[in-house]
Structure formats: structure tokens, C-alpha cells
N, C-alpha and C. Protein backbone atom coordinates (compact mmCIF):
# COMPACT_ATOMS: atom_id res chain seq x y z
N MET A 1 169.58 57.75 -22.47
CA MET A 1 168.54 58.01 -21.58
C MET A 1 167.97 56.73 -20.75
N THR A 2 167.87 56.88 -19.63
CA THR A 2 167.72 55.85 -18.70
C THR A 2 165.90 56.02 -18.60
N ALA A 3 165.37 55.54 -19.44
CA ALA A 3 163.75 55.56 -19.14
C ALA A 3 163.24 54.66 -20.19
N ILE A 4 161.91 54.11 -19.89
CA ILE A 4 161.39 53.21 -20.75
C ILE A 4 159.88 53.42 -20.07
N VAL A 5 158.92 52.84 -21.24
CA VAL A 5 157.36 53.01 -21.14
C VAL A 5 157.20 51.26 -21.29
N GLY A 6 156.18 51.03 -20.18
CA GLY A 6 155.80 49.66 -20.19
C GLY A 6 154.13 49.73 -19.79
N ARG A 7 153.94 48.11 -19.44
CA ARG A 7 152.65 48.13 -18.80
C ARG A 7 152.64 47.30 -17.42
N LYS A 8 151.74 47.49 -16.55
CA LYS A 8 151.68 46.81 -15.23
C LYS A 8 151.23 45.35 -15.44
N VAL A 9 151.97 44.48 -14.99
CA VAL A 9 151.57 43.11 -15.13
C VAL A 9 150.78 42.51 -13.89
N GLY A 10 151.37 42.80 -12.66
CA GLY A 10 150.68 42.53 -11.48
C GLY A 10 151.88 42.42 -10.60
N MET A 11 151.68 41.84 -9.21
CA MET A 11 152.56 41.63 -8.26
C MET A 11 152.79 40.17 -7.94
N THR A 12 153.88 39.87 -7.51
CA THR A 12 154.06 38.59 -6.98
C THR A 12 155.57 39.04 -5.85
N GLN A 13 156.03 37.65 -5.57
CA GLN A 13 156.89 37.88 -4.56
C GLN A 13 158.32 37.04 -4.79
N LEU A 14 159.27 37.47 -4.49
CA LEU A 14 160.68 36.84 -4.69
C LEU A 14 161.40 36.71 -3.18
N PHE A 15 162.18 35.78 -3.34
CA PHE A 15 163.26 35.61 -2.21
C PHE A 15 164.68 36.17 -2.77
N ASP A 16 165.32 37.01 -1.75
CA ASP A 16 166.65 37.70 -1.92
C ASP A 16 167.54 36.59 -1.61
N GLN A 17 168.84 36.74 -1.62
CA GLN A 17 170.00 36.04 -1.32
C GLN A 17 170.09 35.61 0.21
N ALA A 18 169.51 36.45 0.93
CA ALA A 18 169.37 36.26 2.44
C ALA A 18 168.32 35.38 2.72
N GLY A 19 167.39 35.06 2.08
CA GLY A 19 166.21 34.43 2.33
C GLY A 19 164.94 35.31 2.64
N HIS A 20 165.18 36.54 2.54
CA HIS A 20 164.05 37.51 2.83
C HIS A 20 162.95 37.61 1.66
N LEU A 21 161.73 37.55 2.14
CA LEU A 21 160.62 37.74 1.09
C LEU A 21 160.52 39.29 0.51
N VAL A 22 160.45 39.29 -0.74
CA VAL A 22 160.56 40.70 -1.36
C VAL A 22 159.31 40.88 -2.18
N PRO A 23 158.46 41.69 -1.79
CA PRO A 23 157.26 42.10 -2.71
C PRO A 23 157.63 42.85 -3.88
N VAL A 24 157.27 42.08 -4.89
CA VAL A 24 157.74 43.05 -6.25
C VAL A 24 156.49 43.13 -7.27
N THR A 25 156.77 44.30 -8.18
CA THR A 25 155.69 44.43 -9.20
C THR A 25 156.38 44.00 -10.65
N LEU A 26 155.80 43.19 -11.28
CA LEU A 26 156.24 43.01 -12.65
C LEU A 26 155.76 44.03 -13.63
N VAL A 27 156.68 44.60 -14.56
CA VAL A 27 156.24 45.56 -15.37
C VAL A 27 156.82 45.00 -16.73
N GLU A 28 156.05 44.77 -17.76
CA GLU A 28 156.19 44.28 -19.24
C GLU A 28 156.70 45.71 -19.88
N ALA A 29 157.85 45.84 -20.62
CA ALA A 29 158.29 46.83 -21.27
C ALA A 29 158.86 46.27 -22.65
N PRO A 30 157.83 46.37 -23.65
CA PRO A 30 158.54 45.69 -25.07
C PRO A 30 159.55 46.89 -25.56
N PRO A 31 160.42 46.43 -26.51
CA PRO A 31 161.22 47.35 -27.00
C PRO A 31 160.64 48.86 -27.47
N ASN A 32 161.01 49.99 -27.01
CA ASN A 32 160.25 51.30 -27.32
C ASN A 32 161.16 51.73 -28.62
N VAL A 33 160.18 51.97 -29.75
CA VAL A 33 160.81 52.38 -30.87
C VAL A 33 160.76 53.82 -30.87
N VAL A 34 161.99 54.40 -31.18
CA VAL A 34 162.00 55.95 -31.17
C VAL A 34 161.36 56.56 -32.57
N VAL A 35 160.58 57.42 -32.32
CA VAL A 35 160.01 57.97 -33.31
C VAL A 35 160.50 59.25 -33.80
N ALA A 36 160.92 59.94 -32.90
CA ALA A 36 161.29 61.46 -33.22
C ALA A 36 162.27 61.95 -31.85
N VAL A 37 163.19 62.68 -32.23
CA VAL A 37 163.97 63.39 -31.46
C VAL A 37 163.96 64.76 -31.22
N LYS A 38 163.36 65.25 -29.97
CA LYS A 38 163.30 66.64 -29.77
C LYS A 38 164.46 67.47 -29.38
N THR A 39 164.84 68.37 -29.89
CA THR A 39 166.18 69.01 -29.58
C THR A 39 165.94 70.77 -29.03
N ARG A 40 166.80 71.04 -28.12
CA ARG A 40 166.56 72.34 -27.41
C ARG A 40 166.44 73.43 -28.49
N GLU A 41 167.42 73.28 -29.57
CA GLU A 41 167.68 74.30 -30.60
C GLU A 41 166.48 74.58 -31.19
N ARG A 42 165.77 73.38 -31.73
CA ARG A 42 164.63 73.56 -32.53
C ARG A 42 163.27 73.61 -31.65
N HIS A 43 162.98 72.88 -30.59
CA HIS A 43 161.86 72.62 -30.03
C HIS A 43 161.88 73.25 -28.48
N GLY A 44 162.94 73.62 -28.14
CA GLY A 44 163.01 74.40 -26.74
C GLY A 44 163.22 73.47 -25.81
N TYR A 45 163.11 72.23 -25.91
CA TYR A 45 163.49 71.19 -24.95
C TYR A 45 164.06 69.84 -25.54
N GLU A 46 164.57 68.99 -24.57
CA GLU A 46 165.11 67.79 -25.05
C GLU A 46 164.12 66.51 -24.66
N ALA A 47 163.84 65.53 -25.52
CA ALA A 47 163.08 64.77 -25.32
C ALA A 47 163.12 63.56 -26.37
N LEU A 48 162.61 62.32 -26.10
CA LEU A 48 162.44 61.33 -27.19
C LEU A 48 161.14 60.93 -27.26
N GLN A 49 160.50 60.86 -28.43
CA GLN A 49 159.21 60.26 -28.79
C GLN A 49 159.12 58.99 -28.96
N VAL A 50 158.61 57.97 -28.13
CA VAL A 50 158.65 56.62 -28.38
C VAL A 50 157.39 56.04 -28.55
N GLY A 51 157.41 55.03 -29.36
CA GLY A 51 156.32 54.22 -29.76
C GLY A 51 156.25 52.81 -28.92
N VAL A 52 155.11 52.16 -28.60
CA VAL A 52 155.04 50.74 -27.81
C VAL A 52 154.12 50.26 -28.60
N GLY A 53 154.49 48.85 -28.89
CA GLY A 53 153.30 47.92 -29.36
C GLY A 53 152.76 48.33 -30.92
N GLU A 54 153.24 47.41 -31.71
CA GLU A 54 152.50 47.67 -33.14
C GLU A 54 150.92 47.42 -33.24
N VAL A 55 150.64 48.13 -34.18
CA VAL A 55 149.20 48.41 -34.36
C VAL A 55 149.01 48.32 -36.23
N ARG A 56 147.61 48.01 -36.46
CA ARG A 56 147.26 48.07 -37.94
C ARG A 56 147.26 49.67 -38.26
N GLU A 57 147.62 50.03 -39.29
CA GLU A 57 147.71 51.39 -39.78
C GLU A 57 146.24 51.84 -39.97
N ARG A 58 145.46 51.04 -40.26
CA ARG A 58 144.22 51.66 -40.29
C ARG A 58 143.46 52.14 -39.23
N ARG A 59 144.02 51.45 -38.02
CA ARG A 59 143.42 51.98 -36.46
C ARG A 59 143.94 53.30 -36.15
N LEU A 60 144.78 54.08 -36.95
CA LEU A 60 145.50 55.23 -36.62
C LEU A 60 144.76 56.39 -37.49
N SER A 61 144.68 57.75 -36.99
CA SER A 61 144.26 58.74 -37.64
C SER A 61 145.39 59.00 -38.66
N ARG A 62 144.90 59.92 -39.73
CA ARG A 62 146.02 60.48 -40.74
C ARG A 62 147.24 61.14 -40.13
N PRO A 63 147.02 62.02 -39.16
CA PRO A 63 148.20 62.72 -38.89
C PRO A 63 149.22 61.81 -38.22
N LEU A 64 148.67 60.77 -37.43
CA LEU A 64 149.62 59.81 -36.95
C LEU A 64 150.32 58.78 -37.80
N ARG A 65 149.66 58.57 -38.84
CA ARG A 65 150.20 57.91 -39.96
C ARG A 65 151.34 58.59 -40.73
N GLY A 66 150.97 59.99 -40.72
CA GLY A 66 151.96 60.67 -41.29
C GLY A 66 153.32 60.75 -40.39
N VAL A 67 152.93 60.92 -39.03
CA VAL A 67 154.41 60.83 -38.01
C VAL A 67 155.05 59.67 -38.29
N TYR A 68 154.42 58.44 -38.20
CA TYR A 68 155.19 57.09 -38.47
C TYR A 68 155.90 56.98 -39.70
N ALA A 69 154.94 57.19 -40.81
CA ALA A 69 155.75 57.44 -42.09
C ALA A 69 157.07 58.16 -42.27
N GLY A 70 156.93 59.31 -41.45
CA GLY A 70 158.02 60.35 -41.56
C GLY A 70 159.42 59.64 -40.97
N ALA A 71 158.99 59.03 -40.07
CA ALA A 71 160.05 58.59 -39.00
C ALA A 71 160.50 56.93 -39.88
N ARG A 72 159.59 56.49 -40.66
CA ARG A 72 160.05 55.22 -41.22
C ARG A 72 160.19 54.20 -40.20
N VAL A 73 159.04 54.14 -39.43
CA VAL A 73 158.90 53.02 -38.39
C VAL A 73 157.46 52.57 -38.54
N ALA A 74 157.32 51.25 -38.11
CA ALA A 74 155.88 50.64 -37.94
C ALA A 74 155.03 51.59 -37.13
N PRO A 75 153.90 51.50 -37.35
CA PRO A 75 152.95 52.25 -36.71
C PRO A 75 152.87 51.68 -35.30
N GLN A 76 152.73 52.36 -34.27
CA GLN A 76 152.86 51.90 -32.93
C GLN A 76 151.42 52.42 -31.96
N ARG A 77 150.91 51.30 -31.27
CA ARG A 77 149.59 51.59 -30.36
C ARG A 77 149.92 52.58 -29.57
N THR A 78 150.82 53.10 -28.90
CA THR A 78 150.98 54.13 -27.86
C THR A 78 152.28 54.73 -28.25
N LEU A 79 152.14 56.25 -28.11
CA LEU A 79 153.07 57.13 -28.41
C LEU A 79 153.11 58.11 -27.06
N ARG A 80 154.56 58.10 -26.77
CA ARG A 80 154.93 58.86 -25.39
C ARG A 80 156.24 59.61 -25.47
N GLU A 81 156.21 60.77 -24.85
CA GLU A 81 157.57 61.42 -24.79
C GLU A 81 158.50 61.10 -23.44
N LEU A 82 159.61 61.11 -23.70
CA LEU A 82 160.57 60.78 -22.32
C LEU A 82 161.53 61.90 -22.28
N ARG A 83 161.31 62.95 -21.31
CA ARG A 83 162.03 63.80 -21.33
C ARG A 83 163.41 63.81 -20.96
N GLY A 84 164.25 64.60 -21.37
CA GLY A 84 166.01 64.37 -21.19
C GLY A 84 166.56 64.31 -22.30
N PRO A 85 167.91 64.37 -22.11
CA PRO A 85 168.94 64.44 -23.30
C PRO A 85 168.67 62.98 -23.98
N SER A 86 168.86 62.79 -25.44
CA SER A 86 168.52 61.93 -26.16
C SER A 86 169.87 60.92 -26.01
N GLY A 87 170.87 61.52 -25.60
CA GLY A 87 172.10 60.24 -25.65
C GLY A 87 172.63 59.90 -27.05
N GLY A 88 172.19 60.62 -28.23
CA GLY A 88 172.66 60.21 -29.38
C GLY A 88 171.69 59.08 -30.09
N VAL A 89 170.65 58.82 -29.39
CA VAL A 89 169.69 57.91 -30.06
C VAL A 89 168.93 58.42 -31.16
N GLN A 90 168.85 57.97 -32.27
CA GLN A 90 168.30 58.36 -33.37
C GLN A 90 166.99 57.59 -33.83
N PRO A 91 166.12 58.27 -34.71
CA PRO A 91 164.80 57.57 -34.98
C PRO A 91 164.98 56.16 -35.57
N GLY A 92 164.01 55.22 -35.23
CA GLY A 92 164.16 53.92 -35.80
C GLY A 92 164.98 52.90 -34.82
N GLN A 93 165.78 53.52 -33.86
CA GLN A 93 166.35 52.70 -32.92
C GLN A 93 165.38 52.20 -31.68
N THR A 94 165.80 51.40 -30.87
CA THR A 94 164.87 50.97 -30.00
C THR A 94 165.76 50.98 -28.34
N ILE A 95 164.68 51.13 -27.43
CA ILE A 95 165.16 51.02 -26.12
C ILE A 95 164.61 50.09 -25.33
N THR A 96 165.25 49.10 -24.54
CA THR A 96 164.97 47.90 -24.19
C THR A 96 165.00 47.81 -22.42
N VAL A 97 164.54 46.81 -21.77
CA VAL A 97 164.72 46.87 -20.53
C VAL A 97 166.15 46.88 -19.98
N GLU A 98 167.16 46.49 -20.83
CA GLU A 98 168.46 46.46 -20.74
C GLU A 98 169.14 47.79 -20.12
N VAL A 99 168.32 49.14 -20.41
CA VAL A 99 168.93 50.19 -19.67
C VAL A 99 168.72 50.28 -18.06
N PHE A 100 168.03 49.15 -17.65
CA PHE A 100 168.13 49.15 -16.19
C PHE A 100 168.98 47.81 -15.84
N ARG A 101 169.41 47.99 -14.62
CA ARG A 101 170.05 46.71 -13.95
C ARG A 101 169.66 46.75 -12.68
N PRO A 102 169.67 45.33 -12.03
CA PRO A 102 169.53 45.08 -10.61
C PRO A 102 170.10 46.08 -9.59
N GLY A 103 169.54 46.79 -8.72
CA GLY A 103 170.06 47.65 -7.92
C GLY A 103 169.81 48.93 -8.21
N ASP A 104 169.56 49.40 -9.36
CA ASP A 104 169.06 50.77 -9.88
C ASP A 104 167.71 51.19 -9.20
N VAL A 105 167.85 52.47 -9.02
CA VAL A 105 166.42 53.15 -8.46
C VAL A 105 165.85 54.12 -9.29
N VAL A 106 164.36 53.75 -9.50
CA VAL A 106 163.55 54.44 -10.45
C VAL A 106 162.42 55.08 -10.00
N ASP A 107 161.91 56.14 -10.79
CA ASP A 107 160.73 56.69 -10.12
C ASP A 107 159.75 56.02 -11.44
N VAL A 108 158.62 55.82 -10.97
CA VAL A 108 157.38 55.25 -11.81
C VAL A 108 156.24 56.15 -11.59
N THR A 109 155.60 56.63 -12.85
CA THR A 109 154.74 57.42 -13.18
C THR A 109 153.56 56.43 -13.67
N GLY A 110 152.55 56.58 -13.15
CA GLY A 110 151.20 56.06 -13.85
C GLY A 110 150.12 56.92 -13.45
N THR A 111 148.68 56.31 -13.95
CA THR A 111 147.41 56.59 -13.63
C THR A 111 146.87 55.89 -12.39
N SER A 112 146.54 56.32 -11.20
CA SER A 112 146.08 55.70 -10.17
C SER A 112 144.62 54.98 -10.62
N ARG A 113 144.21 54.27 -9.78
CA ARG A 113 142.90 53.52 -9.84
C ARG A 113 141.91 54.53 -9.65
N GLY A 114 140.90 54.50 -10.60
CA GLY A 114 139.65 55.31 -10.29
C GLY A 114 138.68 54.90 -9.60
N ARG A 115 138.33 55.15 -8.43
CA ARG A 115 137.22 54.79 -7.39
C ARG A 115 135.93 55.65 -7.49
N GLY A 116 135.85 56.61 -8.38
CA GLY A 116 134.54 57.22 -8.71
C GLY A 116 134.10 58.15 -7.79
N PHE A 117 132.91 58.49 -7.27
CA PHE A 117 132.84 59.65 -6.66
C PHE A 117 132.73 59.16 -5.22
N ALA A 118 133.57 59.72 -4.27
CA ALA A 118 133.42 58.98 -2.91
C ALA A 118 133.61 60.11 -1.92
N GLY A 119 133.15 59.69 -0.65
CA GLY A 119 132.82 60.62 0.56
C GLY A 119 134.17 61.10 1.07
N ALA A 120 133.97 62.18 2.04
CA ALA A 120 135.18 62.73 2.53
C ALA A 120 136.18 61.60 3.39
N ILE A 121 135.22 60.70 4.18
CA ILE A 121 136.02 59.89 5.01
C ILE A 121 136.94 58.66 4.03
N LYS A 122 136.43 58.30 3.12
CA LYS A 122 137.11 57.53 2.13
C LYS A 122 138.10 58.12 1.20
N ARG A 123 137.75 59.46 0.75
CA ARG A 123 138.75 60.11 -0.03
C ARG A 123 139.93 60.72 0.84
N HIS A 124 139.60 61.35 1.65
CA HIS A 124 140.55 62.16 2.66
C HIS A 124 141.11 61.20 3.81
N GLY A 125 140.33 60.10 4.26
CA GLY A 125 140.67 59.69 5.44
C GLY A 125 140.39 60.45 6.73
N PHE A 126 139.15 61.14 6.61
CA PHE A 126 138.48 61.69 7.85
C PHE A 126 138.11 60.71 8.99
N ALA A 127 138.05 60.99 10.23
CA ALA A 127 137.81 60.00 11.22
C ALA A 127 136.36 59.80 11.34
N GLY A 128 135.51 60.79 11.10
CA GLY A 128 134.08 60.84 11.16
C GLY A 128 133.64 61.33 12.42
N GLN A 129 132.48 61.49 12.59
CA GLN A 129 131.86 62.18 13.79
C GLN A 129 131.41 61.21 14.77
N ARG A 130 131.25 61.52 16.24
CA ARG A 130 130.96 60.45 17.00
C ARG A 130 129.58 59.90 16.84
N ASP A 131 129.43 58.70 17.56
CA ASP A 131 128.11 58.03 17.18
C ASP A 131 126.89 58.24 18.14
N THR A 132 127.54 59.01 19.30
CA THR A 132 126.38 59.36 20.38
C THR A 132 126.59 60.64 20.57
N HIS A 133 126.21 61.15 21.84
CA HIS A 133 126.45 62.32 22.39
C HIS A 133 125.87 63.65 21.51
N GLY A 134 124.66 63.33 20.97
CA GLY A 134 124.25 64.52 20.25
C GLY A 134 124.47 64.43 18.75
N VAL A 135 124.85 63.62 18.22
CA VAL A 135 125.24 63.08 16.75
C VAL A 135 124.11 62.22 16.16
N SER A 136 123.35 62.92 15.29
CA SER A 136 122.31 62.19 14.61
C SER A 136 122.52 62.27 13.10
N LEU A 137 122.32 61.09 12.54
CA LEU A 137 122.46 61.06 10.98
C LEU A 137 123.63 62.14 10.34
N MET A 138 124.60 62.14 11.04
CA MET A 138 125.86 62.77 10.46
C MET A 138 126.93 62.31 10.77
N HIS A 139 127.05 60.92 10.87
CA HIS A 139 128.35 60.26 11.42
C HIS A 139 129.28 60.14 10.28
N ARG A 140 129.04 60.21 9.03
CA ARG A 140 129.95 60.19 8.19
C ARG A 140 129.92 61.39 7.19
N ALA A 141 129.50 62.55 7.94
CA ALA A 141 129.25 63.84 6.97
C ALA A 141 130.61 64.56 7.28
N VAL A 142 130.82 65.56 6.29
CA VAL A 142 131.94 66.40 6.35
C VAL A 142 131.96 67.33 7.77
N GLY A 143 130.71 67.75 7.84
CA GLY A 143 130.61 68.75 9.10
C GLY A 143 130.95 69.97 8.76
N SER A 144 131.30 71.07 9.43
CA SER A 144 131.39 72.37 9.23
C SER A 144 132.47 72.82 7.89
N ILE A 145 132.12 73.48 7.07
CA ILE A 145 132.82 73.80 5.83
C ILE A 145 133.37 75.39 5.81
N GLY A 146 133.31 75.93 6.91
CA GLY A 146 133.94 77.17 6.93
C GLY A 146 133.01 78.02 7.90
N SER A 147 133.59 79.41 7.93
CA SER A 147 132.73 80.40 8.64
C SER A 147 131.74 80.99 7.98
N SER A 148 130.56 81.17 8.63
CA SER A 148 129.20 81.86 8.03
C SER A 148 129.45 83.44 7.78
N ASN A 149 130.36 83.84 8.57
CA ASN A 149 130.77 85.31 8.12
C ASN A 149 131.60 85.50 6.83
N VAL A 150 132.08 84.63 6.45
CA VAL A 150 132.73 84.79 5.05
C VAL A 150 132.02 84.57 3.95
N GLY A 151 130.88 83.79 4.11
CA GLY A 151 129.72 83.40 3.06
C GLY A 151 130.44 82.86 1.81
N ARG A 152 131.41 82.07 1.85
CA ARG A 152 131.97 81.44 0.55
C ARG A 152 132.78 80.06 1.23
N VAL A 153 133.08 79.10 0.31
CA VAL A 153 134.01 78.06 0.79
C VAL A 153 135.18 78.23 0.07
N TRP A 154 136.30 78.21 1.03
CA TRP A 154 137.58 78.60 0.40
C TRP A 154 137.93 77.34 -0.56
N PRO A 155 138.90 77.88 -2.04
CA PRO A 155 139.31 76.80 -2.77
C PRO A 155 140.04 75.78 -2.04
N GLY A 156 139.97 74.55 -2.56
CA GLY A 156 141.09 73.58 -1.81
C GLY A 156 140.18 72.91 -0.58
N LYS A 157 139.19 73.05 -0.33
CA LYS A 157 138.44 72.46 0.79
C LYS A 157 138.43 70.96 0.64
N ARG A 158 138.64 70.22 1.61
CA ARG A 158 138.57 68.90 1.45
C ARG A 158 137.02 68.36 1.58
N MET A 159 136.66 67.91 0.50
CA MET A 159 135.06 67.60 0.44
C MET A 159 135.02 66.29 -0.55
N PRO A 160 133.66 65.83 -0.37
CA PRO A 160 133.39 64.54 -1.38
C PRO A 160 133.70 65.11 -2.78
N GLY A 161 134.08 64.12 -3.62
CA GLY A 161 134.21 64.22 -4.92
C GLY A 161 135.12 63.05 -5.59
N ARG A 162 135.61 63.17 -6.72
CA ARG A 162 136.15 62.03 -7.53
C ARG A 162 137.24 61.72 -7.10
N PHE A 163 137.51 60.35 -6.75
CA PHE A 163 138.68 59.71 -6.05
C PHE A 163 139.34 59.00 -6.81
N GLY A 164 140.80 59.35 -7.00
CA GLY A 164 141.78 58.38 -8.07
C GLY A 164 141.56 59.06 -9.30
N ASN A 165 142.24 58.14 -10.28
CA ASN A 165 142.32 58.39 -11.74
C ASN A 165 143.15 59.72 -11.93
N GLN A 166 144.34 59.82 -11.27
CA GLN A 166 145.11 60.98 -11.44
C GLN A 166 146.38 60.32 -11.62
N ARG A 167 147.34 61.20 -12.46
CA ARG A 167 148.62 61.01 -12.60
C ARG A 167 149.35 60.92 -11.38
N VAL A 168 149.91 59.90 -11.03
CA VAL A 168 150.73 59.71 -9.66
C VAL A 168 152.32 58.96 -10.08
N THR A 169 153.20 59.67 -9.21
CA THR A 169 154.55 59.26 -9.28
C THR A 169 154.98 58.85 -7.93
N VAL A 170 155.41 57.30 -7.88
CA VAL A 170 156.01 56.96 -6.80
C VAL A 170 157.51 56.88 -7.18
N ARG A 171 158.23 57.51 -6.23
CA ARG A 171 159.74 57.66 -6.24
C ARG A 171 160.53 56.51 -5.50
N GLY A 172 161.67 56.21 -5.91
CA GLY A 172 162.61 55.70 -5.45
C GLY A 172 162.38 54.28 -5.14
N LEU A 173 161.70 53.45 -6.10
CA LEU A 173 161.67 51.83 -6.25
C LEU A 173 162.97 51.36 -6.57
N GLN A 174 163.38 50.31 -6.11
CA GLN A 174 164.39 49.53 -6.71
C GLN A 174 164.30 48.51 -7.60
N VAL A 175 165.09 48.42 -8.55
CA VAL A 175 165.01 47.33 -9.55
C VAL A 175 165.73 46.19 -8.75
N VAL A 176 164.72 45.00 -8.73
CA VAL A 176 165.14 43.73 -8.16
C VAL A 176 165.87 42.83 -9.30
N LYS A 177 165.19 42.66 -10.35
CA LYS A 177 165.68 41.71 -11.46
C LYS A 177 165.05 42.28 -12.85
N VAL A 178 165.85 41.91 -13.67
CA VAL A 178 165.55 42.13 -15.05
C VAL A 178 165.75 40.86 -15.88
N GLU A 179 164.65 40.83 -16.77
CA GLU A 179 164.67 39.64 -17.74
C GLU A 179 164.50 40.04 -18.91
N PRO A 180 165.63 40.19 -19.93
CA PRO A 180 165.63 40.75 -21.24
C PRO A 180 164.92 40.14 -22.10
N GLU A 181 164.97 38.66 -22.05
CA GLU A 181 164.34 37.68 -23.14
C GLU A 181 163.05 37.72 -22.88
N ARG A 182 162.39 38.22 -21.74
CA ARG A 182 160.75 38.27 -21.64
C ARG A 182 160.34 39.71 -21.42
N ASN A 183 161.33 40.68 -21.61
CA ASN A 183 160.92 42.04 -21.35
C ASN A 183 160.21 42.50 -20.23
N LEU A 184 160.79 41.89 -19.19
CA LEU A 184 160.19 42.18 -17.72
C LEU A 184 161.32 42.84 -16.89
N ILE A 185 160.60 43.76 -15.95
CA ILE A 185 161.46 44.40 -14.89
C ILE A 185 160.56 44.28 -13.69
N TYR A 186 161.47 43.57 -12.57
CA TYR A 186 160.91 43.47 -11.51
C TYR A 186 161.07 44.49 -10.38
N LEU A 187 160.26 45.27 -9.93
CA LEU A 187 160.56 46.54 -9.06
C LEU A 187 160.06 45.96 -7.57
N ARG A 188 160.88 46.47 -6.59
CA ARG A 188 160.41 46.30 -5.31
C ARG A 188 159.30 47.01 -4.78
N GLY A 189 158.07 46.61 -4.22
CA GLY A 189 157.04 47.51 -3.92
C GLY A 189 156.01 47.59 -4.84
N ALA A 190 155.04 48.53 -4.60
CA ALA A 190 153.70 48.73 -5.37
C ALA A 190 153.93 49.88 -6.21
N VAL A 191 153.35 49.71 -7.62
CA VAL A 191 153.03 50.84 -8.53
C VAL A 191 151.72 51.38 -8.53
N PRO A 192 151.35 52.56 -9.00
CA PRO A 192 150.14 53.15 -9.32
C PRO A 192 149.48 52.38 -10.49
N GLY A 193 148.20 52.34 -10.40
CA GLY A 193 147.38 51.86 -11.58
C GLY A 193 146.85 50.43 -11.49
N VAL A 194 146.15 50.07 -12.31
CA VAL A 194 145.32 48.60 -12.49
C VAL A 194 146.30 47.96 -13.46
N ARG A 195 145.97 46.41 -13.30
CA ARG A 195 146.88 45.65 -14.17
C ARG A 195 146.73 46.13 -15.67
N GLY A 196 147.53 46.22 -16.43
CA GLY A 196 147.70 46.31 -17.87
C GLY A 196 147.78 48.00 -18.07
N GLY A 197 147.88 48.83 -16.90
CA GLY A 197 147.92 50.25 -16.96
C GLY A 197 149.26 50.66 -17.37
N LEU A 198 149.49 51.70 -18.16
CA LEU A 198 150.53 52.18 -18.83
C LEU A 198 151.60 53.00 -17.80
N LEU A 199 152.59 52.75 -17.80
CA LEU A 199 153.41 52.99 -16.78
C LEU A 199 154.99 53.76 -17.51
N LEU A 200 155.62 54.71 -16.91
CA LEU A 200 156.72 55.26 -17.24
C LEU A 200 157.66 55.15 -16.23
N LEU A 201 158.69 54.58 -16.57
CA LEU A 201 159.98 54.16 -15.67
C LEU A 201 161.18 55.16 -16.00
N ARG A 202 161.63 55.96 -14.90
CA ARG A 202 162.76 57.00 -15.39
C ARG A 202 163.81 56.66 -14.18
N GLY A 203 165.11 56.96 -14.56
CA GLY A 203 166.12 56.93 -13.29
C GLY A 203 165.62 57.90 -12.37
N ALA A 204 165.92 57.41 -11.11
CA ALA A 204 165.53 58.38 -9.90
C ALA A 204 166.34 59.74 -9.86
N ARG A 205 165.64 60.93 -9.78
CA ARG A 205 166.15 62.25 -10.05
C ARG A 205 166.79 62.38 -8.71
N ASP A 206 166.33 62.08 -7.54
CA ASP A 206 166.98 62.30 -6.31
C ASP A 206 168.33 61.35 -6.22
N ARG A 207 169.33 61.84 -6.53
CA ARG A 207 170.59 60.95 -6.66
C ARG A 207 171.03 60.39 -4.95
N GLY A 208 170.92 61.52 -4.10
CA GLY A 208 171.07 60.96 -2.67
C GLY A 208 170.17 59.92 -2.13
N ARG A 209 168.78 60.06 -2.48
CA ARG A 209 167.83 58.81 -2.09
C ARG A 209 168.34 57.75 -2.91
N ALA A 210 168.52 57.74 -4.17
CA ALA A 210 168.96 56.44 -4.73
C ALA A 210 170.27 55.90 -3.97
N ALA A 211 171.28 56.47 -3.82
CA ALA A 211 172.49 56.21 -3.11
C ALA A 211 172.03 55.51 -1.59
N ARG A 212 171.05 56.14 -0.88
CA ARG A 212 170.77 55.67 0.28
C ARG A 212 169.74 54.11 -0.02
N LYS A 213 169.17 54.23 -0.97
CA LYS A 213 168.33 53.16 -1.06
C LYS A 213 169.20 51.77 -1.62
N ARG A 214 170.21 51.96 -2.39
CA ARG A 214 171.43 50.96 -2.54
C ARG A 214 172.09 50.50 -1.35
N ALA A 215 172.48 51.44 -0.63
CA ALA A 215 173.25 51.24 0.92
C ALA A 215 172.23 50.17 1.49
N LYS A 216 170.98 50.45 1.59
CA LYS A 216 170.02 49.72 2.69
C LYS A 216 169.84 48.55 2.12
N GLY A 217 169.81 48.38 0.47
CA GLY A 217 169.63 47.10 0.05
C GLY A 217 171.13 45.94 0.32
N ARG A 218 172.16 46.93 0.22
CA ARG A 218 173.47 45.86 0.34
C ARG A 218 173.38 45.47 1.97
N GLU A 219 173.00 46.29 2.82
CA GLU A 219 172.97 45.87 4.19
C GLU A 219 171.93 44.88 4.62
N ARG A 220 170.73 44.64 3.89
CA ARG A 220 170.01 43.68 4.21
C ARG A 220 170.59 42.42 3.34
N ALA A 221 171.19 42.64 2.35
CA ALA A 221 171.72 41.36 1.64
C ALA A 221 172.91 40.63 2.28
């Protein structure tokens, strides 16, 4: 399985062989300990349950203690599922950053930054109303929200509300560099979330897009 759970370290920059500046995001992914293997025959789908970061047993609930005791692995701080075929991996084994190589294309899933309650202009990118010509005290207001004949607001209307703090997937990011000794993966571009936020890295599902990304990278080099 080409997937791993890690945390966002931050952004920096590298120079490729042609001397071009490449913005990259550092992702720290310690060895993921396989806690359980889900099979289609028993659970209805295929997946791996992995844990990241050891933690003291007393900080876990009793059910979680039983999960780790049954798998005979040390208690982990974070428990996540990686959907897909197990590839023969058994509980107790680990998944490291070496599952990825430079040039691979991955999809990164994380939780976007939470920006609290925001207006429609900031949240949806509205242009706002005019500064003059009859507009008074309504410059950043939403404006009309529907016909008066309907007597209701249709679901999905773009209005002020909570901005961010949602599950977001960025597709087609290229792996620039892998450092197994430091458990680091360098990804070209930005990923969702704050520093220290949890990320899920998976091999890109769109194989055609992955091939195009690799070809473009070779052309630039």
C-alpha cells in the first residue's frame, strides 16, 4: 500500500538540477505501526489501521488499550485507517517514508485552517457592492438572497458562516525528495492545514494526471 500518515512541518524551498527554485512542503511521517488489517470478507472493505507516535498507556481509554493489546503493539497517539489492499502487511509491521520515491505523485488530505465566522466577501470571494451611486452602508453585504415570491432561502445559498476547518484533499503533488533517516518527505507546493496538522498521503488516483506531472517535471529538468 502506497500511503502514510504524517504531520505538516512547514514550507521551504529547494533548487532542482536545472537551478530552478522549487517551493516545497516538509511532511514528517514517523514509521506507521500497523494495528489491524481490514478484509473484504470480514469487514466489507479493505484497509489498514495504523498508529503514529507512541504515547503512555494511561492517556488512552480502556477500549483503545484493548485494541493495542490485541495487536501486541505499543500504544499510539493517533489511530487512522488507510483504505486499499493491504499488500500482505501484517499487524506489528511498519510503513515508512520509503514507500515513496522522488518523482511520485500523491494526493494529500488534511484539515484546512479554521478562520472562524467570516462574511460572504472573505468566505466566497464576492466582489462587494459599489462605493457610490446609491449604495449606503451595504458595501460588504450579501445583497439579495432570493425572490420574495418564494418566501424562503434555497439550500446551498452562499452566505456568511464558518470559514475553513474542513477536510480538504489536494491532488497531484509531486514528491521532490525523501529523507528516510529523518522521516521527511518533500512535496512540491502547498498542503492544507496548520503546522503540526495531521496529513494523509496516498498515491495519486488519477494515473493519467500522475503521468502528466512526471512528464512535465522531466521537461523542466
